[in-house]
Amino acid sequence: MENALLDLDRKVCIVTGATSGIGLAVADVLAKHGALLVLVGRNDTRGRQIEEKLVRNGLSAVFVKADVADRAAPDAITGAALHRFGRIDVLVNNAGINAKGTALQCEDAEWDRVLDVNLTAAFRLSRAVLPAMVTQRRGAIVNVASDWALMGAPGAVAYCVSKAALAQLTRCMALDHARDGIRVNAVCPGNTVSPMLDQAFAGDDREAKASASAAAIPMGRFARADEVAEVVRFLASDASSYMTGSLVSVDGGTSAQ
């Protein structure tokens, strides 16, 4: 029998980047375990389809179309959550973009966009949900970082810096709000089967590059999105009630090497 503490019965959960990849898997897992979902994404058509599917299955969800890097997005998202459900219990900062390139190759606009989406948006949305969580004296924020937050990697300077900074934001917010009953943790996935991974291996030699990358992982394969989502569920649930400021690797052993 599953631990009842892992249930998210009637907890209001905001998930950004919820229309594909890890975010979609997180939304699916949280919904199946009783969460009331606020789905956030830029693809309005896809977001409405996911919302309708969940509702047809007897689950509760509302989609909010937003670019998380927009300064107006945090108020719009939190406003929609509070209007629909009256509270905010969990925030999953999942939205993220990748960018290849060394410091010599990364242009200012690309650097700014990656930092805005991967880091600043998570900070602003976390700040926006905090008043509701502080009033409730409980809440959980789960940031989706990366194993590259824990170690260097070549040819992805903006992405690696953004995720490392997100890890530090996790630690700092955890310390700032531990006495408020708010827990802040991060998952650090390795390569995960998703549209982002497909993009990373784009090209005629895609299969060869993907096979070599998977072979370098101690477990010998990429993660499934649902495997990452289950760790997010754990950190969002009361089963992790004494965890805050933790960076949880979900990378098949890569960062242990």
C-alpha atoms as a PDB file:
ATOM      1  CA  MET A   1       0.000   0.000   0.000  1.00  0.00           C
ATOM      2  CA  GLU A   2       1.324   3.425  -0.950  1.00  0.00           C
ATOM      3  CA  ASN A   3       2.288   5.905   1.744  1.00  0.00           C
ATOM      4  CA  ALA A   4      -0.684   8.261   2.221  1.00  0.00           C
ATOM      5  CA  LEU A   5       1.768  11.118   2.819  1.00  0.00           C
ATOM      6  CA  LEU A   6       2.599  10.964  -0.895  1.00  0.00           C
ATOM      7  CA  ASP A   7      -0.963  11.909  -1.805  1.00  0.00           C
ATOM      8  CA  LEU A   8      -1.618  15.479  -2.902  1.00  0.00           C
ATOM      9  CA  ASP A   9      -5.336  15.386  -2.145  1.00  0.00           C
ATOM     10  CA  ARG A  10      -6.864  18.819  -2.931  1.00  0.00           C
ATOM     11  CA  LYS A  11      -3.494  20.588  -2.867  1.00  0.00           C
ATOM     12  CA  VAL A  12      -3.343  23.427  -5.362  1.00  0.00           C
ATOM     13  CA  CYS A  13      -0.243  22.975  -7.503  1.00  0.00           C
ATOM     14  CA  ILE A  14       1.121  25.404 -10.096  1.00  0.00           C
ATOM     15  CA  VAL A  15       3.308  23.749 -12.755  1.00  0.00           C
ATOM     16  CA  THR A  16       5.155  25.884 -15.300  1.00  0.00           C
ATOM     17  CA  GLY A  17       6.263  24.528 -18.652  1.00  0.00           C
ATOM     18  CA  ALA A  18       3.390  22.065 -18.309  1.00  0.00           C
ATOM     19  CA  THR A  19       2.629  21.395 -21.964  1.00  0.00           C
ATOM     20  CA  SER A  20       5.518  19.042 -22.787  1.00  0.00           C
ATOM     21  CA  GLY A  21       8.395  16.991 -21.424  1.00  0.00           C
ATOM     22  CA  ILE A  22       9.021  16.868 -17.695  1.00  0.00           C
ATOM     23  CA  GLY A  23       6.372  19.517 -16.984  1.00  0.00           C
ATOM     24  CA  LEU A  24       3.646  17.522 -18.675  1.00  0.00           C
ATOM     25  CA  ALA A  25       4.708  14.390 -16.803  1.00  0.00           C
ATOM     26  CA  VAL A  26       4.673  16.318 -13.516  1.00  0.00           C
ATOM     27  CA  ALA A  27       1.175  17.604 -14.226  1.00  0.00           C
ATOM     28  CA  ASP A  28      -0.034  14.098 -15.026  1.00  0.00           C
ATOM     29  CA  VAL A  29       1.490  12.545 -11.895  1.00  0.00           C
ATOM     30  CA  LEU A  30       0.278  15.275  -9.539  1.00  0.00           C
ATOM     31  CA  ALA A  31      -3.234  15.167 -11.008  1.00  0.00           C
ATOM     32  CA  LYS A  32      -3.452  11.399 -10.621  1.00  0.00           C
ATOM     33  CA  HIS A  33      -2.636  11.803  -6.945  1.00  0.00           C
ATOM     34  CA  GLY A  34      -5.331  14.346  -6.194  1.00  0.00           C
ATOM     35  CA  ALA A  35      -3.785  17.725  -6.938  1.00  0.00           C
ATOM     36  CA  LEU A  36      -5.798  20.687  -8.201  1.00  0.00           C
ATOM     37  CA  LEU A  37      -3.675  21.926 -11.077  1.00  0.00           C
ATOM     38  CA  VAL A  38      -2.788  25.296 -12.519  1.00  0.00           C
ATOM     39  CA  LEU A  39      -0.988  24.520 -15.780  1.00  0.00           C
ATOM     40  CA  VAL A  40       1.243  27.220 -17.262  1.00  0.00           C
ATOM     41  CA  GLY A  41       2.661  27.332 -20.779  1.00  0.00           C
ATOM     42  CA  ARG A  42       3.014  29.388 -23.949  1.00  0.00           C
ATOM     43  CA  ASN A  43       1.232  26.967 -26.305  1.00  0.00           C
ATOM     44  CA  ASP A  44      -2.418  27.875 -25.858  1.00  0.00           C
ATOM     45  CA  THR A  45      -3.787  25.100 -28.082  1.00  0.00           C
ATOM     46  CA  ARG A  46      -1.736  22.414 -26.395  1.00  0.00           C
ATOM     47  CA  GLY A  47      -2.500  23.769 -22.939  1.00  0.00           C
ATOM     48  CA  ARG A  48      -6.244  23.785 -23.517  1.00  0.00           C
ATOM     49  CA  GLN A  49      -6.102  20.225 -24.843  1.00  0.00           C
ATOM     50  CA  ILE A  50      -4.285  19.030 -21.702  1.00  0.00           C
ATOM     51  CA  GLU A  51      -6.730  20.896 -19.460  1.00  0.00           C
ATOM     52  CA  GLU A  52      -9.720  19.377 -21.247  1.00  0.00           C
ATOM     53  CA  LYS A  53      -8.252  15.873 -21.093  1.00  0.00           C
ATOM     54  CA  LEU A  54      -7.683  16.108 -17.344  1.00  0.00           C
ATOM     55  CA  VAL A  55     -11.178  17.478 -16.744  1.00  0.00           C
ATOM     56  CA  ARG A  56     -12.723  14.696 -18.874  1.00  0.00           C
ATOM     57  CA  ASN A  57     -10.957  12.213 -16.622  1.00  0.00           C
ATOM     58  CA  GLY A  58     -12.589  13.728 -13.560  1.00  0.00           C
ATOM     59  CA  LEU A  59      -9.552  15.749 -12.505  1.00  0.00           C
ATOM     60  CA  SER A  60      -9.379  19.455 -11.725  1.00  0.00           C
ATOM     61  CA  ALA A  61      -7.173  21.730 -13.818  1.00  0.00           C
ATOM     62  CA  VAL A  62      -7.028  25.196 -15.320  1.00  0.00           C
ATOM     63  CA  PHE A  63      -4.598  26.351 -18.004  1.00  0.00           C
ATOM     64  CA  VAL A  64      -2.975  29.795 -17.924  1.00  0.00           C
ATOM     65  CA  LYS A  65      -1.265  30.948 -21.107  1.00  0.00           C
ATOM     66  CA  ALA A  66       1.879  32.824 -20.125  1.00  0.00           C
ATOM     67  CA  ASP A  67       5.518  33.349 -20.965  1.00  0.00           C
ATOM     68  CA  VAL A  68       7.105  32.985 -17.541  1.00  0.00           C
ATOM     69  CA  ALA A  69       9.790  35.506 -18.470  1.00  0.00           C
ATOM     70  CA  ASP A  70       7.144  38.203 -18.839  1.00  0.00           C
ATOM     71  CA  ARG A  71       7.164  40.490 -15.793  1.00  0.00           C
ATOM     72  CA  ALA A  72       3.362  40.386 -15.695  1.00  0.00           C
ATOM     73  CA  ALA A  73       3.218  36.575 -15.659  1.00  0.00           C
ATOM     74  CA  PRO A  74       3.641  35.950 -11.890  1.00  0.00           C
ATOM     75  CA  ASP A  75       0.644  38.104 -10.948  1.00  0.00           C
ATOM     76  CA  ALA A  76      -1.466  36.586 -13.730  1.00  0.00           C
ATOM     77  CA  ILE A  77      -0.595  33.033 -12.692  1.00  0.00           C
ATOM     78  CA  THR A  78      -1.068  33.496  -8.959  1.00  0.00           C
ATOM     79  CA  GLY A  79      -4.228  35.505  -9.582  1.00  0.00           C
ATOM     80  CA  ALA A  80      -5.701  32.690 -11.673  1.00  0.00           C
ATOM     81  CA  ALA A  81      -4.801  30.109  -9.008  1.00  0.00           C
ATOM     82  CA  LEU A  82      -6.329  32.098  -6.169  1.00  0.00           C
ATOM     83  CA  HIS A  83      -9.432  32.996  -8.171  1.00  0.00           C
ATOM     84  CA  ARG A  84     -10.090  29.378  -9.153  1.00  0.00           C
ATOM     85  CA  PHE A  85      -9.009  27.528  -6.014  1.00  0.00           C
ATOM     86  CA  GLY A  86      -8.546  30.102  -3.233  1.00  0.00           C
ATOM     87  CA  ARG A  87      -5.085  28.956  -2.178  1.00  0.00           C
ATOM     88  CA  ILE A  88      -1.641  27.908  -3.423  1.00  0.00           C
ATOM     89  CA  ASP A  89       0.072  24.912  -1.844  1.00  0.00           C
ATOM     90  CA  VAL A  90       2.769  23.908  -4.322  1.00  0.00           C
ATOM     91  CA  LEU A  91       4.787  25.661  -7.016  1.00  0.00           C
ATOM     92  CA  VAL A  92       6.826  23.634  -9.503  1.00  0.00           C
ATOM     93  CA  ASN A  93       9.210  25.912 -11.395  1.00  0.00           C
ATOM     94  CA  ASN A  94       9.813  23.650 -14.367  1.00  0.00           C
ATOM     95  CA  ALA A  95       9.818  25.953 -17.395  1.00  0.00           C
ATOM     96  CA  GLY A  96      13.244  26.084 -18.978  1.00  0.00           C
ATOM     97  CA  ILE A  97      15.137  26.444 -22.225  1.00  0.00           C
ATOM     98  CA  ASN A  98      18.514  25.206 -23.371  1.00  0.00           C
ATOM     99  CA  ALA A  99      21.181  26.985 -25.378  1.00  0.00           C
ATOM    100  CA  LYS A 100      24.425  25.666 -26.757  1.00  0.00           C
ATOM    101  CA  GLY A 101      27.583  27.700 -26.899  1.00  0.00           C
ATOM    102  CA  THR A 102      30.729  28.751 -25.096  1.00  0.00           C
ATOM    103  CA  ALA A 103      31.205  32.265 -23.717  1.00  0.00           C
ATOM    104  CA  LEU A 104      32.655  33.298 -27.073  1.00  0.00           C
ATOM    105  CA  GLN A 105      29.617  31.941 -28.917  1.00  0.00           C
ATOM    106  CA  CYS A 106      26.841  33.090 -26.582  1.00  0.00           C
ATOM    107  CA  GLU A 107      25.374  36.431 -27.590  1.00  0.00           C
ATOM    108  CA  ASP A 108      23.847  38.867 -25.121  1.00  0.00           C
ATOM    109  CA  ALA A 109      20.265  38.268 -26.256  1.00  0.00           C
ATOM    110  CA  GLU A 110      20.651  34.515 -25.889  1.00  0.00           C
ATOM    111  CA  TRP A 111      22.282  34.844 -22.452  1.00  0.00           C
ATOM    112  CA  ASP A 112      19.530  37.176 -21.278  1.00  0.00           C
ATOM    113  CA  ARG A 113      16.727  34.904 -22.524  1.00  0.00           C
ATOM    114  CA  VAL A 114      18.155  31.766 -20.879  1.00  0.00           C
ATOM    115  CA  LEU A 115      18.697  33.513 -17.546  1.00  0.00           C
ATOM    116  CA  ASP A 116      15.281  35.169 -17.720  1.00  0.00           C
ATOM    117  CA  VAL A 117      13.417  31.888 -18.313  1.00  0.00           C
ATOM    118  CA  ASN A 118      15.482  29.479 -16.239  1.00  0.00           C
ATOM    119  CA  LEU A 119      16.306  31.665 -13.241  1.00  0.00           C
ATOM    120  CA  THR A 120      14.625  35.051 -13.011  1.00  0.00           C
ATOM    121  CA  ALA A 121      11.170  33.705 -13.828  1.00  0.00           C
ATOM    122  CA  ALA A 122      11.497  31.109 -11.062  1.00  0.00           C
ATOM    123  CA  PHE A 123      12.543  33.826  -8.614  1.00  0.00           C
ATOM    124  CA  ARG A 124       9.658  36.124  -9.550  1.00  0.00           C
ATOM    125  CA  LEU A 125       6.999  33.426  -9.478  1.00  0.00           C
ATOM    126  CA  SER A 126       8.306  32.100  -6.165  1.00  0.00           C
ATOM    127  CA  ARG A 127       8.152  35.613  -4.766  1.00  0.00           C
ATOM    128  CA  ALA A 128       4.592  35.955  -6.047  1.00  0.00           C
ATOM    129  CA  VAL A 129       3.312  32.779  -4.343  1.00  0.00           C
ATOM    130  CA  LEU A 130       5.056  33.426  -1.037  1.00  0.00           C
ATOM    131  CA  PRO A 131       2.420  35.736   0.493  1.00  0.00           C
ATOM    132  CA  ALA A 132      -0.278  33.076   0.144  1.00  0.00           C
ATOM    133  CA  MET A 133       2.021  30.377   1.511  1.00  0.00           C
ATOM    134  CA  VAL A 134       3.183  32.534   4.421  1.00  0.00           C
ATOM    135  CA  THR A 135      -0.442  33.249   5.348  1.00  0.00           C
ATOM    136  CA  GLN A 136      -1.200  29.514   5.254  1.00  0.00           C
ATOM    137  CA  ARG A 137       1.996  28.754   7.222  1.00  0.00           C
ATOM    138  CA  ARG A 138       2.773  25.963   4.767  1.00  0.00           C
ATOM    139  CA  GLY A 139       3.782  25.403   1.178  1.00  0.00           C
ATOM    140  CA  ALA A 140       6.297  23.680  -1.054  1.00  0.00           C
ATOM    141  CA  ILE A 141       8.343  25.053  -3.926  1.00  0.00           C
ATOM    142  CA  VAL A 142      10.088  22.557  -6.197  1.00  0.00           C
ATOM    143  CA  ASN A 143      12.590  23.898  -8.709  1.00  0.00           C
ATOM    144  CA  VAL A 144      13.580  21.785 -11.681  1.00  0.00           C
ATOM    145  CA  ALA A 145      17.306  22.395 -12.026  1.00  0.00           C
ATOM    146  CA  SER A 146      19.709  19.986 -13.755  1.00  0.00           C
ATOM    147  CA  ASP A 147      22.640  17.720 -13.055  1.00  0.00           C
ATOM    148  CA  TRP A 148      24.574  20.487 -14.806  1.00  0.00           C
ATOM    149  CA  ALA A 149      23.716  22.659 -11.812  1.00  0.00           C
ATOM    150  CA  LEU A 150      26.049  20.400  -9.840  1.00  0.00           C
ATOM    151  CA  MET A 151      28.969  20.143 -12.256  1.00  0.00           C
ATOM    152  CA  GLY A 152      30.479  21.905 -15.240  1.00  0.00           C
ATOM    153  CA  ALA A 153      29.738  20.958 -18.825  1.00  0.00           C
ATOM    154  CA  PRO A 154      31.291  22.149 -22.079  1.00  0.00           C
ATOM    155  CA  GLY A 155      29.478  24.197 -24.679  1.00  0.00           C
ATOM    156  CA  ALA A 156      26.434  25.288 -22.657  1.00  0.00           C
ATOM    157  CA  VAL A 157      27.620  28.170 -20.510  1.00  0.00           C
ATOM    158  CA  ALA A 158      24.324  30.062 -20.224  1.00  0.00           C
ATOM    159  CA  TYR A 159      22.279  26.961 -19.430  1.00  0.00           C
ATOM    160  CA  CYS A 160      24.744  25.646 -16.833  1.00  0.00           C
ATOM    161  CA  VAL A 161      25.051  29.008 -15.094  1.00  0.00           C
ATOM    162  CA  SER A 162      21.271  29.467 -15.014  1.00  0.00           C
ATOM    163  CA  LYS A 163      20.710  26.051 -13.432  1.00  0.00           C
ATOM    164  CA  ALA A 164      23.556  26.455 -10.925  1.00  0.00           C
ATOM    165  CA  ALA A 165      22.076  29.782  -9.877  1.00  0.00           C
ATOM    166  CA  LEU A 166      18.652  28.137  -9.564  1.00  0.00           C
ATOM    167  CA  ALA A 167      20.213  25.618  -7.182  1.00  0.00           C
ATOM    168  CA  GLN A 168      21.593  28.455  -5.065  1.00  0.00           C
ATOM    169  CA  LEU A 169      18.224  30.228  -5.152  1.00  0.00           C
ATOM    170  CA  THR A 170      16.739  27.001  -3.807  1.00  0.00           C
ATOM    171  CA  ARG A 171      19.129  26.935  -0.860  1.00  0.00           C
ATOM    172  CA  CYS A 172      18.722  30.617  -0.012  1.00  0.00           C
ATOM    173  CA  MET A 173      14.935  30.592  -0.153  1.00  0.00           C
ATOM    174  CA  ALA A 174      14.841  27.422   1.906  1.00  0.00           C
ATOM    175  CA  LEU A 175      16.761  29.163   4.688  1.00  0.00           C
ATOM    176  CA  ASP A 176      14.743  32.361   4.433  1.00  0.00           C
ATOM    177  CA  HIS A 177      11.379  30.615   4.738  1.00  0.00           C
ATOM    178  CA  ALA A 178      11.962  27.497   6.837  1.00  0.00           C
ATOM    179  CA  ARG A 179      10.321  29.139   9.869  1.00  0.00           C
ATOM    180  CA  ASP A 180       7.340  30.114   7.705  1.00  0.00           C
ATOM    181  CA  GLY A 181       6.487  26.455   7.107  1.00  0.00           C
ATOM    182  CA  ILE A 182       7.589  26.672   3.474  1.00  0.00           C
ATOM    183  CA  ARG A 183       9.923  24.068   2.031  1.00  0.00           C
ATOM    184  CA  VAL A 184      12.062  24.784  -1.042  1.00  0.00           C
ATOM    185  CA  ASN A 185      13.854  21.949  -2.818  1.00  0.00           C
ATOM    186  CA  ALA A 186      15.141  21.158  -6.294  1.00  0.00           C
ATOM    187  CA  VAL A 187      15.358  18.133  -8.530  1.00  0.00           C
ATOM    188  CA  CYS A 188      18.429  17.887 -10.718  1.00  0.00           C
ATOM    189  CA  PRO A 189      17.592  15.673 -13.699  1.00  0.00           C
ATOM    190  CA  GLY A 190      20.107  14.320 -16.125  1.00  0.00           C
ATOM    191  CA  ASN A 191      19.275  13.757 -19.782  1.00  0.00           C
ATOM    192  CA  THR A 192      15.568  12.977 -19.913  1.00  0.00           C
ATOM    193  CA  VAL A 193      13.543  11.778 -22.889  1.00  0.00           C
ATOM    194  CA  SER A 194      11.776  14.977 -23.954  1.00  0.00           C
ATOM    195  CA  PRO A 195      11.498  17.486 -26.806  1.00  0.00           C
ATOM    196  CA  MET A 196      14.445  19.382 -25.280  1.00  0.00           C
ATOM    197  CA  LEU A 197      16.616  16.278 -25.544  1.00  0.00           C
ATOM    198  CA  ASP A 198      15.506  15.730 -29.125  1.00  0.00           C
ATOM    199  CA  GLN A 199      16.574  19.270 -29.894  1.00  0.00           C
ATOM    200  CA  ALA A 200      19.963  18.740 -28.249  1.00  0.00           C
ATOM    201  CA  PHE A 201      20.721  15.786 -30.506  1.00  0.00           C
ATOM    202  CA  ALA A 202      19.282  17.259 -33.700  1.00  0.00           C
ATOM    203  CA  GLY A 203      21.181  16.488 -36.892  1.00  0.00           C
ATOM    204  CA  ASP A 204      22.069  13.659 -39.230  1.00  0.00           C
ATOM    205  CA  ASP A 205      24.142  11.915 -36.555  1.00  0.00           C
ATOM    206  CA  ARG A 206      21.382  12.155 -33.938  1.00  0.00           C
ATOM    207  CA  GLU A 207      21.229   8.435 -33.163  1.00  0.00           C
ATOM    208  CA  ALA A 208      24.994   8.108 -32.771  1.00  0.00           C
ATOM    209  CA  LYS A 209      25.201  11.130 -30.464  1.00  0.00           C
ATOM    210  CA  ALA A 210      22.261   9.960 -28.373  1.00  0.00           C
ATOM    211  CA  SER A 211      23.666   6.438 -28.039  1.00  0.00           C
ATOM    212  CA  ALA A 212      27.064   7.729 -26.967  1.00  0.00           C
ATOM    213  CA  SER A 213      25.478  10.074 -24.425  1.00  0.00           C
ATOM    214  CA  ALA A 214      23.304   7.329 -22.939  1.00  0.00           C
ATOM    215  CA  ALA A 215      26.267   4.949 -22.748  1.00  0.00           C
ATOM    216  CA  ALA A 216      28.182   7.477 -20.619  1.00  0.00           C
ATOM    217  CA  ILE A 217      25.482   7.415 -17.930  1.00  0.00           C
ATOM    218  CA  PRO A 218      26.241   4.847 -15.179  1.00  0.00           C
ATOM    219  CA  MET A 219      22.750   3.355 -15.537  1.00  0.00           C
ATOM    220  CA  GLY A 220      23.240   3.215 -19.300  1.00  0.00           C
ATOM    221  CA  ARG A 221      20.062   5.035 -20.375  1.00  0.00           C
ATOM    222  CA  PHE A 222      18.230   8.345 -20.306  1.00  0.00           C
ATOM    223  CA  ALA A 223      15.564   9.083 -17.700  1.00  0.00           C
ATOM    224  CA  ARG A 224      11.895   8.882 -18.506  1.00  0.00           C
ATOM    225  CA  ALA A 225       9.970  12.050 -17.750  1.00  0.00           C
ATOM    226  CA  ASP A 226       7.692  10.216 -15.326  1.00  0.00           C
ATOM    227  CA  GLU A 227      10.721   9.092 -13.289  1.00  0.00           C
ATOM    228  CA  VAL A 228      11.633  12.728 -12.695  1.00  0.00           C
ATOM    229  CA  ALA A 229       7.988  13.602 -12.062  1.00  0.00           C
ATOM    230  CA  GLU A 230       7.718  11.060  -9.254  1.00  0.00           C
ATOM    231  CA  VAL A 231      10.598  12.749  -7.427  1.00  0.00           C
ATOM    232  CA  VAL A 232       8.868  16.091  -7.879  1.00  0.00           C
ATOM    233  CA  ARG A 233       5.730  14.550  -6.370  1.00  0.00           C
ATOM    234  CA  PHE A 234       7.742  13.334  -3.374  1.00  0.00           C
ATOM    235  CA  LEU A 235       9.194  16.802  -2.761  1.00  0.00           C
ATOM    236  CA  ALA A 236       5.760  18.398  -3.158  1.00  0.00           C
ATOM    237  CA  SER A 237       4.139  15.985  -0.719  1.00  0.00           C
ATOM    238  CA  ASP A 238       4.151  15.644   3.051  1.00  0.00           C
ATOM    239  CA  ALA A 239       6.357  12.560   2.677  1.00  0.00           C
ATOM    240  CA  SER A 240       9.299  14.982   2.411  1.00  0.00           C
ATOM    241  CA  SER A 241       8.156  17.122   5.348  1.00  0.00           C
ATOM    242  CA  TYR A 242      11.663  17.422   6.870  1.00  0.00           C
ATOM    243  CA  MET A 243      13.442  18.246   3.623  1.00  0.00           C
ATOM    244  CA  THR A 244      14.274  21.788   2.596  1.00  0.00           C
ATOM    245  CA  GLY A 245      17.232  23.223   0.709  1.00  0.00           C
ATOM    246  CA  SER A 246      17.928  19.836  -0.870  1.00  0.00           C
ATOM    247  CA  LEU A 247      19.209  19.293  -4.400  1.00  0.00           C
ATOM    248  CA  VAL A 248      18.065  15.822  -5.430  1.00  0.00           C
ATOM    249  CA  SER A 249      19.935  14.237  -8.318  1.00  0.00           C
ATOM    250  CA  VAL A 250      17.808  12.211 -10.737  1.00  0.00           C
ATOM    251  CA  ASP A 251      20.512  11.496 -13.267  1.00  0.00           C
ATOM    252  CA  GLY A 252      21.261   7.773 -13.306  1.00  0.00           C
ATOM    253  CA  GLY A 253      24.469   8.344 -11.333  1.00  0.00           C
ATOM    254  CA  THR A 254      26.058  10.906 -13.660  1.00  0.00           C
ATOM    255  CA  SER A 255      26.856  13.505 -10.993  1.00  0.00           C
ATOM    256  CA  ALA A 256      28.308  10.801  -8.721  1.00  0.00           C
ATOM    257  CA  GLN A 257      31.129  10.128 -11.158  1.00  0.00           C
END
